[in-house]
C-alpha atoms as a PDB file:
ATOM      1  CA  MET A   1     -38.393 -95.745 -28.107  1.00  0.00           C
ATOM      2  CA  THR A   2     -42.558 -96.128 -29.138  1.00  0.00           C
ATOM      3  CA  GLU A   3     -43.198-100.365 -27.847  1.00  0.00           C
ATOM      4  CA  GLN A   4     -46.600-100.183 -28.594  1.00  0.00           C
ATOM      5  CA  LEU A   5     -49.096 -99.062 -30.351  1.00  0.00           C
ATOM      6  CA  LEU A   6     -52.750 -99.517 -30.980  1.00  0.00           C
ATOM      7  CA  GLY A   7     -54.520-100.087 -34.277  1.00  0.00           C
ATOM      8  CA  ILE A   8     -58.428 -99.212 -35.183  1.00  0.00           C
ATOM      9  CA  ASP A   9     -59.542-100.915 -38.263  1.00  0.00           C
ATOM     10  CA  TRP A  10     -63.128 -99.088 -38.462  1.00  0.00           C
ATOM     11  CA  GLY A  11     -65.055-100.182 -41.192  1.00  0.00           C
ATOM     12  CA  THR A  12     -68.522 -99.285 -42.093  1.00  0.00           C
ATOM     13  CA  SER A  13     -70.482-101.144 -39.601  1.00  0.00           C
ATOM     14  CA  ASN A  14     -67.610-102.946 -37.766  1.00  0.00           C
ATOM     15  CA  ARG A  15     -64.568-101.688 -35.194  1.00  0.00           C
ATOM     16  CA  ARG A  16     -61.907-103.936 -34.577  1.00  0.00           C
ATOM     17  CA  ALA A  17     -58.544-102.761 -32.299  1.00  0.00           C
ATOM     18  CA  TYR A  18     -55.345-104.402 -32.080  1.00  0.00           C
ATOM     19  CA  LEU A  19     -52.877-103.115 -29.493  1.00  0.00           C
ATOM     20  CA  VAL A  20     -49.551-104.767 -30.682  1.00  0.00           C
ATOM     21  CA  ASP A  21     -45.715-104.885 -30.028  1.00  0.00           C
ATOM     22  CA  ALA A  22     -43.135-104.175 -32.351  1.00  0.00           C
ATOM     23  CA  GLN A  23     -42.912-107.831 -32.384  1.00  0.00           C
ATOM     24  CA  GLY A  24     -46.098-108.199 -34.189  1.00  0.00           C
ATOM     25  CA  ARG A  25     -47.156-109.739 -30.987  1.00  0.00           C
ATOM     26  CA  CYS A  26     -51.271-108.732 -30.197  1.00  0.00           C
ATOM     27  CA  LEU A  27     -51.483-107.703 -27.205  1.00  0.00           C
ATOM     28  CA  ARG A  28     -55.006-106.887 -26.479  1.00  0.00           C
ATOM     29  CA  SER A  29     -57.853-106.837 -29.449  1.00  0.00           C
ATOM     30  CA  HIS A  30     -61.502-105.962 -29.847  1.00  0.00           C
ATOM     31  CA  ALA A  31     -64.188-105.880 -31.766  1.00  0.00           C
ATOM     32  CA  ASP A  32     -67.541-104.258 -32.129  1.00  0.00           C
ATOM     33  CA  ALA A  33     -69.989-103.175 -34.171  1.00  0.00           C
ATOM     34  CA  ARG A  34     -69.506 -99.654 -33.470  1.00  0.00           C
ATOM     35  CA  GLY A  35     -67.974 -98.653 -36.977  1.00  0.00           C
ATOM     36  CA  MET A  36     -68.328 -95.920 -38.106  1.00  0.00           C
ATOM     37  CA  LEU A  37     -72.015 -95.566 -39.613  1.00  0.00           C
ATOM     38  CA  ALA A  38     -73.228 -96.244 -36.000  1.00  0.00           C
ATOM     39  CA  GLU A  39     -70.965 -93.357 -34.207  1.00  0.00           C
ATOM     40  CA  GLN A  40     -71.219 -90.818 -36.336  1.00  0.00           C
ATOM     41  CA  GLY A  41     -71.276 -87.258 -34.566  1.00  0.00           C
ATOM     42  CA  ARG A  42     -69.670 -89.209 -32.082  1.00  0.00           C
ATOM     43  CA  PHE A  43     -66.163 -90.559 -32.767  1.00  0.00           C
ATOM     44  CA  ALA A  44     -63.937 -88.568 -30.422  1.00  0.00           C
ATOM     45  CA  ALA A  45     -65.716 -89.841 -27.939  1.00  0.00           C
ATOM     46  CA  SER A  46     -65.893 -93.549 -29.380  1.00  0.00           C
ATOM     47  CA  LEU A  47     -62.769 -93.729 -29.147  1.00  0.00           C
ATOM     48  CA  GLU A  48     -62.023 -92.632 -25.356  1.00  0.00           C
ATOM     49  CA  ALA A  49     -64.175 -94.876 -24.381  1.00  0.00           C
ATOM     50  CA  LEU A  50     -62.253 -97.746 -26.477  1.00  0.00           C
ATOM     51  CA  LEU A  51     -58.933 -97.027 -24.633  1.00  0.00           C
ATOM     52  CA  ALA A  52     -60.154 -97.249 -21.733  1.00  0.00           C
ATOM     53  CA  ASP A  53     -61.987-100.755 -22.502  1.00  0.00           C
ATOM     54  CA  LEU A  54     -58.003-101.803 -23.689  1.00  0.00           C
ATOM     55  CA  GLN A  55     -56.434 -99.801 -21.105  1.00  0.00           C
ATOM     56  CA  VAL A  56     -54.051 -97.989 -23.641  1.00  0.00           C
ATOM     57  CA  GLY A  57     -52.161 -95.859 -22.601  1.00  0.00           C
ATOM     58  CA  GLU A  58     -52.494 -91.567 -22.906  1.00  0.00           C
ATOM     59  CA  GLN A  59     -48.259 -91.679 -24.528  1.00  0.00           C
ATOM     60  CA  THR A  60     -49.572 -94.592 -26.146  1.00  0.00           C
ATOM     61  CA  PRO A  61     -50.050 -93.890 -30.514  1.00  0.00           C
ATOM     62  CA  VAL A  62     -53.176 -94.883 -32.378  1.00  0.00           C
ATOM     63  CA  VAL A  63     -53.657 -95.486 -35.890  1.00  0.00           C
ATOM     64  CA  MET A  64     -56.770 -95.570 -37.814  1.00  0.00           C
ATOM     65  CA  SER A  65     -57.981 -97.124 -41.111  1.00  0.00           C
ATOM     66  CA  GLY A  66     -60.982 -97.204 -42.779  1.00  0.00           C
ATOM     67  CA  MET A  67     -63.744 -95.235 -43.492  1.00  0.00           C
ATOM     68  CA  VAL A  68     -63.334 -93.582 -40.178  1.00  0.00           C
ATOM     69  CA  GLY A  69     -60.819 -91.817 -43.553  1.00  0.00           C
ATOM     70  CA  SER A  70     -63.278 -91.574 -45.223  1.00  0.00           C
ATOM     71  CA  ALA A  71     -65.649 -88.322 -46.180  1.00  0.00           C
ATOM     72  CA  GLN A  72     -68.986 -89.665 -44.462  1.00  0.00           C
ATOM     73  CA  GLY A  73     -66.097 -90.332 -41.176  1.00  0.00           C
ATOM     74  CA  TRP A  74     -64.708 -88.880 -38.551  1.00  0.00           C
ATOM     75  CA  GLN A  75     -61.485 -86.379 -40.477  1.00  0.00           C
ATOM     76  CA  GLU A  76     -60.685 -87.410 -44.375  1.00  0.00           C
ATOM     77  CA  ALA A  77     -57.412 -88.801 -45.783  1.00  0.00           C
ATOM     78  CA  PRO A  78     -56.523 -87.491 -49.158  1.00  0.00           C
ATOM     79  CA  TYR A  79     -56.530 -90.888 -51.714  1.00  0.00           C
ATOM     80  CA  LEU A  80     -52.800 -92.187 -52.202  1.00  0.00           C
ATOM     81  CA  GLY A  81     -51.875 -92.553 -56.388  1.00  0.00           C
ATOM     82  CA  PRO A  82     -51.189 -96.793 -56.648  1.00  0.00           C
ATOM     83  CA  GLU A  83     -47.294 -95.494 -57.676  1.00  0.00           C
ATOM     84  CA  VAL A  84     -46.745 -95.023 -54.161  1.00  0.00           C
ATOM     85  CA  ALA A  85     -45.656 -98.300 -52.365  1.00  0.00           C
ATOM     86  CA  LEU A  86     -47.972 -99.226 -49.336  1.00  0.00           C
ATOM     87  CA  ALA A  87     -44.466 -99.817 -46.918  1.00  0.00           C
ATOM     88  CA  GLU A  88     -44.951 -95.390 -47.375  1.00  0.00           C
ATOM     89  CA  LEU A  89     -47.616 -96.001 -45.823  1.00  0.00           C
ATOM     90  CA  PRO A  90     -46.275 -95.022 -42.358  1.00  0.00           C
ATOM     91  CA  ARG A  91     -44.904 -91.952 -44.024  1.00  0.00           C
ATOM     92  CA  ARG A  92     -48.069 -90.873 -45.560  1.00  0.00           C
ATOM     93  CA  LEU A  93     -50.281 -90.965 -42.284  1.00  0.00           C
ATOM     94  CA  VAL A  94     -52.979 -87.667 -41.898  1.00  0.00           C
ATOM     95  CA  ALA A  95     -52.802 -86.140 -38.180  1.00  0.00           C
ATOM     96  CA  LEU A  96     -55.894 -85.946 -36.311  1.00  0.00           C
ATOM     97  CA  ARG A  97     -56.121 -82.808 -35.996  1.00  0.00           C
ATOM     98  CA  LYS A  98     -58.454 -81.185 -32.630  1.00  0.00           C
ATOM     99  CA  ALA A  99     -57.077 -85.177 -30.763  1.00  0.00           C
ATOM    100  CA  ALA A 100     -57.958 -84.746 -27.061  1.00  0.00           C
ATOM    101  CA  ARG A 101     -55.240 -87.079 -26.209  1.00  0.00           C
ATOM    102  CA  SER A 102     -51.286 -86.246 -25.788  1.00  0.00           C
ATOM    103  CA  GLY A 103     -49.999 -89.809 -27.563  1.00  0.00           C
ATOM    104  CA  ALA A 104     -50.326 -89.132 -31.502  1.00  0.00           C
ATOM    105  CA  THR A 105     -53.468 -89.956 -33.308  1.00  0.00           C
ATOM    106  CA  SER A 106     -53.628 -90.994 -37.449  1.00  0.00           C
ATOM    107  CA  ILE A 107     -55.738 -92.127 -40.069  1.00  0.00           C
ATOM    108  CA  VAL A 108     -54.702 -94.178 -42.678  1.00  0.00           C
ATOM    109  CA  PRO A 109     -55.381 -93.191 -46.019  1.00  0.00           C
ATOM    110  CA  GLY A 110     -56.816 -95.261 -48.369  1.00  0.00           C
ATOM    111  CA  TYR A 111     -55.513 -95.438 -52.480  1.00  0.00           C
ATOM    112  CA  CYS A 112     -57.530 -93.864 -56.018  1.00  0.00           C
ATOM    113  CA  TYR A 113     -57.178 -96.307 -59.506  1.00  0.00           C
ATOM    114  CA  ARG A 114     -57.717 -94.565 -61.885  1.00  0.00           C
ATOM    115  CA  ASN A 115     -56.097 -95.280 -65.752  1.00  0.00           C
ATOM    116  CA  GLY A 116     -59.625 -96.297 -67.866  1.00  0.00           C
ATOM    117  CA  SER A 117     -61.728 -97.754 -64.672  1.00  0.00           C
ATOM    118  CA  VAL A 118     -61.731 -95.750 -61.350  1.00  0.00           C
ATOM    119  CA  ASP A 119     -62.000 -98.061 -57.797  1.00  0.00           C
ATOM    120  CA  VAL A 120     -61.348 -96.659 -54.238  1.00  0.00           C
ATOM    121  CA  MET A 121     -60.033 -98.919 -50.793  1.00  0.00           C
ATOM    122  CA  ARG A 122     -60.202 -98.442 -47.750  1.00  0.00           C
ATOM    123  CA  GLY A 123     -59.220-100.403 -44.649  1.00  0.00           C
ATOM    124  CA  GLU A 124     -57.404-102.950 -47.250  1.00  0.00           C
ATOM    125  CA  GLU A 125     -54.964-101.041 -48.159  1.00  0.00           C
ATOM    126  CA  MET A 126     -53.170-102.125 -44.217  1.00  0.00           C
ATOM    127  CA  GLN A 127     -53.663-106.069 -44.979  1.00  0.00           C
ATOM    128  CA  LEU A 128     -52.148-105.945 -48.264  1.00  0.00           C
ATOM    129  CA  LEU A 129     -49.149-104.254 -46.249  1.00  0.00           C
ATOM    130  CA  GLY A 130     -49.439-107.026 -42.891  1.00  0.00           C
ATOM    131  CA  ALA A 131     -49.462-109.213 -46.054  1.00  0.00           C
ATOM    132  CA  GLN A 132     -46.315-107.589 -47.214  1.00  0.00           C
ATOM    133  CA  MET A 133     -44.819-108.098 -44.025  1.00  0.00           C
ATOM    134  CA  LEU A 134     -45.937-112.175 -43.721  1.00  0.00           C
ATOM    135  CA  GLY A 135     -43.948-112.389 -47.140  1.00  0.00           C
ATOM    136  CA  GLN A 136     -46.732-112.235 -49.733  1.00  0.00           C
ATOM    137  CA  GLY A 137     -44.663-111.187 -53.185  1.00  0.00           C
ATOM    138  CA  ASP A 138     -46.024-109.972 -56.519  1.00  0.00           C
ATOM    139  CA  GLY A 139     -49.876-111.578 -58.025  1.00  0.00           C
ATOM    140  CA  TRP A 140     -52.531-111.237 -57.211  1.00  0.00           C
ATOM    141  CA  VAL A 141     -54.317-111.446 -52.806  1.00  0.00           C
ATOM    142  CA  VAL A 142     -57.855-111.487 -52.504  1.00  0.00           C
ATOM    143  CA  LEU A 143     -59.975-109.720 -49.523  1.00  0.00           C
ATOM    144  CA  PRO A 144     -63.269-111.197 -49.336  1.00  0.00           C
ATOM    145  CA  GLY A 145     -66.655-109.924 -47.775  1.00  0.00           C
ATOM    146  CA  THR A 146     -68.970-106.289 -48.054  1.00  0.00           C
ATOM    147  CA  HIS A 147     -67.357-104.835 -51.119  1.00  0.00           C
ATOM    148  CA  SER A 148     -64.506-107.835 -52.281  1.00  0.00           C
ATOM    149  CA  LYS A 149     -61.374-107.153 -53.757  1.00  0.00           C
ATOM    150  CA  TRP A 150     -59.256-108.781 -56.330  1.00  0.00           C
ATOM    151  CA  VAL A 151     -55.763-106.939 -55.987  1.00  0.00           C
ATOM    152  CA  LEU A 152     -52.436-107.472 -58.322  1.00  0.00           C
ATOM    153  CA  LEU A 153     -48.756-106.868 -56.070  1.00  0.00           C
ATOM    154  CA  GLU A 154     -46.366-106.110 -58.678  1.00  0.00           C
ATOM    155  CA  GLY A 155     -43.301-104.306 -57.180  1.00  0.00           C
ATOM    156  CA  ALA A 156     -44.046-103.968 -53.555  1.00  0.00           C
ATOM    157  CA  ARG A 157     -46.816-101.908 -55.818  1.00  0.00           C
ATOM    158  CA  ILE A 158     -50.728-102.249 -55.848  1.00  0.00           C
ATOM    159  CA  ALA A 159     -50.531-102.186 -59.935  1.00  0.00           C
ATOM    160  CA  ARG A 160     -54.072-102.335 -59.985  1.00  0.00           C
ATOM    161  CA  TRP A 161     -57.554-103.843 -58.025  1.00  0.00           C
ATOM    162  CA  ALA A 162     -61.245-104.055 -58.784  1.00  0.00           C
ATOM    163  CA  THR A 163     -63.987-104.309 -56.755  1.00  0.00           C
ATOM    164  CA  TYR A 164     -66.948-106.803 -56.053  1.00  0.00           C
ATOM    165  CA  MET A 165     -70.290-106.020 -54.328  1.00  0.00           C
ATOM    166  CA  THR A 166     -70.328-109.581 -53.664  1.00  0.00           C
ATOM    167  CA  GLY A 167     -71.073-109.903 -49.762  1.00  0.00           C
ATOM    168  CA  GLU A 168     -73.760-106.332 -49.820  1.00  0.00           C
ATOM    169  CA  LEU A 169     -75.671-107.767 -52.929  1.00  0.00           C
ATOM    170  CA  PHE A 170     -75.839-111.123 -50.900  1.00  0.00           C
ATOM    171  CA  ALA A 171     -77.167-109.276 -48.188  1.00  0.00           C
ATOM    172  CA  SER A 172     -79.353-107.214 -50.058  1.00  0.00           C
ATOM    173  CA  LEU A 173     -81.015-110.413 -51.880  1.00  0.00           C
ATOM    174  CA  ALA A 174     -81.411-111.942 -48.788  1.00  0.00           C
ATOM    175  CA  HIS A 175     -83.315-108.768 -46.954  1.00  0.00           C
ATOM    176  CA  GLY A 176     -85.407-108.024 -50.019  1.00  0.00           C
ATOM    177  CA  GLY A 177     -86.779-109.303 -53.459  1.00  0.00           C
ATOM    178  CA  THR A 178     -87.907-112.409 -54.948  1.00  0.00           C
ATOM    179  CA  LEU A 179     -85.284-114.477 -53.718  1.00  0.00           C
ATOM    180  CA  ALA A 180     -85.243-113.090 -49.930  1.00  0.00           C
ATOM    181  CA  PRO A 181     -87.851-115.430 -49.009  1.00  0.00           C
ATOM    182  CA  LEU A 182     -85.858-118.812 -50.611  1.00  0.00           C
ATOM    183  CA  MET A 183     -82.837-117.675 -48.869  1.00  0.00           C
ATOM    184  CA  SER A 184     -84.047-116.429 -45.595  1.00  0.00           C
ATOM    185  CA  ALA A 185     -86.191-119.227 -45.145  1.00  0.00           C
ATOM    186  CA  PRO A 186     -85.897-121.312 -41.989  1.00  0.00           C
ATOM    187  CA  ASP A 187     -84.627-124.579 -43.646  1.00  0.00           C
ATOM    188  CA  ALA A 188     -82.925-122.878 -45.887  1.00  0.00           C
ATOM    189  CA  ARG A 189     -78.722-124.555 -45.562  1.00  0.00           C
ATOM    190  CA  ASP A 190     -74.807-124.706 -46.603  1.00  0.00           C
ATOM    191  CA  ASP A 191     -75.576-126.869 -49.800  1.00  0.00           C
ATOM    192  CA  ALA A 192     -71.667-128.059 -50.929  1.00  0.00           C
ATOM    193  CA  GLU A 193     -73.437-128.916 -54.090  1.00  0.00           C
ATOM    194  CA  ALA A 194     -75.619-126.234 -55.036  1.00  0.00           C
ATOM    195  CA  PHE A 195     -72.565-124.074 -54.804  1.00  0.00           C
ATOM    196  CA  GLU A 196     -70.838-125.572 -57.629  1.00  0.00           C
ATOM    197  CA  GLN A 197     -73.744-125.529 -59.325  1.00  0.00           C
ATOM    198  CA  GLY A 198     -73.976-121.385 -58.887  1.00  0.00           C
ATOM    199  CA  LEU A 199     -69.838-121.061 -59.934  1.00  0.00           C
ATOM    200  CA  ALA A 200     -70.575-123.153 -62.544  1.00  0.00           C
ATOM    201  CA  LEU A 201     -74.083-120.675 -63.575  1.00  0.00           C
ATOM    202  CA  ALA A 202     -71.290-117.839 -64.034  1.00  0.00           C
ATOM    203  CA  ARG A 203     -69.137-120.246 -65.933  1.00  0.00           C
ATOM    204  CA  LYS A 204     -71.551-119.691 -68.411  1.00  0.00           C
ATOM    205  CA  ARG A 205     -70.675-115.783 -68.392  1.00  0.00           C
ATOM    206  CA  GLU A 206     -74.478-115.209 -68.739  1.00  0.00           C
ATOM    207  CA  PRO A 207     -75.763-111.837 -67.985  1.00  0.00           C
ATOM    208  CA  LEU A 208     -76.226-112.179 -64.129  1.00  0.00           C
ATOM    209  CA  THR A 209     -79.488-109.975 -63.388  1.00  0.00           C
ATOM    210  CA  HIS A 210     -80.841-113.496 -65.496  1.00  0.00           C
ATOM    211  CA  SER A 211     -79.009-115.703 -64.213  1.00  0.00           C
ATOM    212  CA  LEU A 212     -79.815-114.512 -61.299  1.00  0.00           C
ATOM    213  CA  PHE A 213     -83.709-114.845 -61.733  1.00  0.00           C
ATOM    214  CA  THR A 214     -83.280-118.086 -63.395  1.00  0.00           C
ATOM    215  CA  ILE A 215     -82.736-119.226 -59.766  1.00  0.00           C
ATOM    216  CA  ARG A 216     -85.792-118.520 -58.443  1.00  0.00           C
ATOM    217  CA  ALA A 217     -87.326-120.389 -62.177  1.00  0.00           C
ATOM    218  CA  ARG A 218     -85.131-123.404 -61.007  1.00  0.00           C
ATOM    219  CA  VAL A 219     -87.118-123.504 -58.039  1.00  0.00           C
ATOM    220  CA  VAL A 220     -90.671-123.450 -59.204  1.00  0.00           C
ATOM    221  CA  ALA A 221     -89.414-125.554 -62.293  1.00  0.00           C
ATOM    222  CA  LYS A 222     -89.620-127.950 -59.140  1.00  0.00           C
ATOM    223  CA  ALA A 223     -85.453-128.523 -61.000  1.00  0.00           C
ATOM    224  CA  LEU A 224     -84.216-127.305 -57.164  1.00  0.00           C
ATOM    225  CA  GLU A 225     -85.305-127.576 -53.869  1.00  0.00           C
ATOM    226  CA  PRO A 226     -85.815-124.037 -52.451  1.00  0.00           C
ATOM    227  CA  ALA A 227     -83.812-125.439 -48.809  1.00  0.00           C
ATOM    228  CA  ARG A 228     -80.356-125.365 -51.763  1.00  0.00           C
ATOM    229  CA  ALA A 229     -81.511-121.108 -53.760  1.00  0.00           C
ATOM    230  CA  ARG A 230     -78.843-119.762 -50.687  1.00  0.00           C
ATOM    231  CA  SER A 231     -76.160-122.313 -51.567  1.00  0.00           C
ATOM    232  CA  PHE A 232     -76.734-121.647 -55.339  1.00  0.00           C
ATOM    233  CA  VAL A 233     -76.855-117.445 -54.982  1.00  0.00           C
ATOM    234  CA  SER A 234     -73.849-117.556 -52.826  1.00  0.00           C
ATOM    235  CA  GLY A 235     -71.630-119.675 -55.318  1.00  0.00           C
ATOM    236  CA  LEU A 236     -73.003-117.826 -58.733  1.00  0.00           C
ATOM    237  CA  LEU A 237     -72.183-114.349 -56.967  1.00  0.00           C
ATOM    238  CA  ILE A 238     -68.600-115.592 -55.625  1.00  0.00           C
ATOM    239  CA  GLY A 239     -68.088-117.410 -59.320  1.00  0.00           C
ATOM    240  CA  THR A 240     -68.635-113.874 -60.985  1.00  0.00           C
ATOM    241  CA  GLU A 241     -65.979-112.676 -59.231  1.00  0.00           C
ATOM    242  CA  PHE A 242     -63.287-115.363 -60.559  1.00  0.00           C
ATOM    243  CA  VAL A 243     -64.821-115.297 -64.130  1.00  0.00           C
ATOM    244  CA  SER A 244     -64.093-111.539 -64.012  1.00  0.00           C
ATOM    245  CA  ALA A 245     -60.272-111.662 -62.353  1.00  0.00           C
ATOM    246  CA  PRO A 246     -58.491-112.201 -65.832  1.00  0.00           C
ATOM    247  CA  ASP A 247     -60.640-109.496 -67.321  1.00  0.00           C
ATOM    248  CA  ALA A 248     -58.665-107.302 -64.574  1.00  0.00           C
ATOM    249  CA  GLY A 249     -55.734-106.792 -67.250  1.00  0.00           C
ATOM    250  CA  ALA A 250     -53.986-109.682 -65.532  1.00  0.00           C
ATOM    251  CA  SER A 251     -54.039-113.713 -66.267  1.00  0.00           C
ATOM    252  CA  VAL A 252     -54.601-115.430 -63.293  1.00  0.00           C
ATOM    253  CA  ASP A 253     -52.926-118.479 -61.281  1.00  0.00           C
ATOM    254  CA  SER A 254     -53.156-118.470 -57.839  1.00  0.00           C
ATOM    255  CA  ILE A 255     -54.436-116.194 -55.115  1.00  0.00           C
ATOM    256  CA  THR A 256     -53.916-115.810 -51.816  1.00  0.00           C
ATOM    257  CA  LEU A 257     -57.023-114.963 -49.615  1.00  0.00           C
ATOM    258  CA  VAL A 258     -56.749-112.666 -46.747  1.00  0.00           C
ATOM    259  CA  GLY A 259     -60.224-113.567 -45.004  1.00  0.00           C
ATOM    260  CA  SER A 260     -62.129-114.817 -42.296  1.00  0.00           C
ATOM    261  CA  PRO A 261     -62.021-119.030 -41.982  1.00  0.00           C
ATOM    262  CA  ALA A 262     -66.031-119.358 -43.000  1.00  0.00           C
ATOM    263  CA  LEU A 263     -65.376-117.302 -46.081  1.00  0.00           C
ATOM    264  CA  ALA A 264     -61.708-118.131 -47.241  1.00  0.00           C
ATOM    265  CA  GLU A 265     -62.901-121.354 -47.407  1.00  0.00           C
ATOM    266  CA  ARG A 266     -65.730-120.206 -49.598  1.00  0.00           C
ATOM    267  CA  TYR A 267     -63.355-118.937 -52.079  1.00  0.00           C
ATOM    268  CA  ARG A 268     -60.575-121.625 -51.684  1.00  0.00           C
ATOM    269  CA  VAL A 269     -63.647-124.724 -52.901  1.00  0.00           C
ATOM    270  CA  ALA A 270     -64.371-121.511 -55.198  1.00  0.00           C
ATOM    271  CA  ALA A 271     -60.295-121.113 -56.039  1.00  0.00           C
ATOM    272  CA  ARG A 272     -60.249-125.470 -57.149  1.00  0.00           C
ATOM    273  CA  HIS A 273     -62.544-125.051 -59.081  1.00  0.00           C
ATOM    274  CA  PHE A 274     -62.246-122.691 -61.705  1.00  0.00           C
ATOM    275  CA  GLY A 275     -58.097-124.441 -60.898  1.00  0.00           C
ATOM    276  CA  LEU A 276     -56.129-121.945 -59.155  1.00  0.00           C
ATOM    277  CA  ALA A 277     -53.731-122.445 -56.162  1.00  0.00           C
ATOM    278  CA  VAL A 278     -54.749-120.943 -53.921  1.00  0.00           C
ATOM    279  CA  SER A 279     -53.171-119.532 -50.055  1.00  0.00           C
ATOM    280  CA  VAL A 280     -54.843-118.240 -46.409  1.00  0.00           C
ATOM    281  CA  LEU A 281     -53.743-115.972 -44.037  1.00  0.00           C
ATOM    282  CA  ASP A 282     -54.932-114.458 -41.261  1.00  0.00           C
ATOM    283  CA  PRO A 283     -56.785-111.650 -41.362  1.00  0.00           C
ATOM    284  CA  ASP A 284     -55.907-110.911 -38.041  1.00  0.00           C
ATOM    285  CA  ALA A 285     -52.278-111.224 -37.988  1.00  0.00           C
ATOM    286  CA  VAL A 286     -52.091-109.475 -41.378  1.00  0.00           C
ATOM    287  CA  TYR A 287     -53.319-105.832 -40.062  1.00  0.00           C
ATOM    288  CA  CYS A 288     -50.926-107.058 -37.145  1.00  0.00           C
ATOM    289  CA  ALA A 289     -48.007-108.249 -38.982  1.00  0.00           C
ATOM    290  CA  ALA A 290     -49.173-103.687 -40.587  1.00  0.00           C
ATOM    291  CA  LEU A 291     -49.315-102.077 -37.267  1.00  0.00           C
ATOM    292  CA  ALA A 292     -45.334-103.896 -36.091  1.00  0.00           C
ATOM    293  CA  TYR A 293     -43.974-102.291 -39.555  1.00  0.00           C
ATOM    294  CA  PHE A 294     -45.645 -99.229 -38.682  1.00  0.00           C
ATOM    295  CA  LEU A 295     -43.203 -99.500 -35.411  1.00  0.00           C
ATOM    296  CA  ARG A 296     -40.564-100.051 -36.476  1.00  0.00           C
ATOM    297  CA  MET A 297     -40.570 -97.157 -39.007  1.00  0.00           C
ATOM    298  CA  GLU A 298     -41.274 -94.927 -36.636  1.00  0.00           C
ATOM    299  CA  ALA A 299     -37.964 -96.497 -34.966  1.00  0.00           C
ATOM    300  CA  SER A 300     -36.135 -96.092 -36.926  1.00  0.00           C
ATOM    301  CA  ARG A 301     -36.501 -92.307 -36.946  1.00  0.00           C
END
């Protein structure tokens, strides 16, 4: 019987790996910046190096999720429809062609939503499955990040979701353009009051491109200290998610966050601002819980 499993969350820019046992205990872990973009054309060699670093045996199965399974990744894993329950993921794995190792090496498929709008996910399905394994029931799960996702779970399935380019847009605004000198200035700081002001501006539901410009205007008019602009932008972008979420087709009164402590805290503050109850799950814990479920399903066959 397989007693260990290596799971790799292989994203666009970053990669995290967890060696777990059937109880969900993380035996060893690894994180680096060897994401899909960095490893183009050398996925096999990159995996072998990772296995050596973690001292993972040849027979230990490997399950990979995230952008490694996209059309631009190692091998494309076709999307599942939302009618497929998350618990079915262990039965929907895509075997890696021409695997250089004797142990099973597979890719977790993502999901595609087509119902009036179109949205996709790769990697988040593992966190959602893990959240379910840790007791998450029906309701909204928010996965903040580069592409933040608001996911409605109903009956152990993904009923609908919406993706927001919050983290990517924040990084782009800080890197170039009118707001960049303010957001990337040496004296730019986290400011709780400016963050709340950004949330309040989002509540007005004005066009985002206009609201962003007014931040620069506030600085020019000396209504906002330049060092506080970064937090103001953060509040505006995150607040835009919260005002848009009810438009996804179901009321929102509470959310479960799956995110790093620093990012989850920002969303916790935003949830409180919008009157939502909030609970937080650790992203490493939910991923390991999903892997433990994979192991249990393998053992039951």
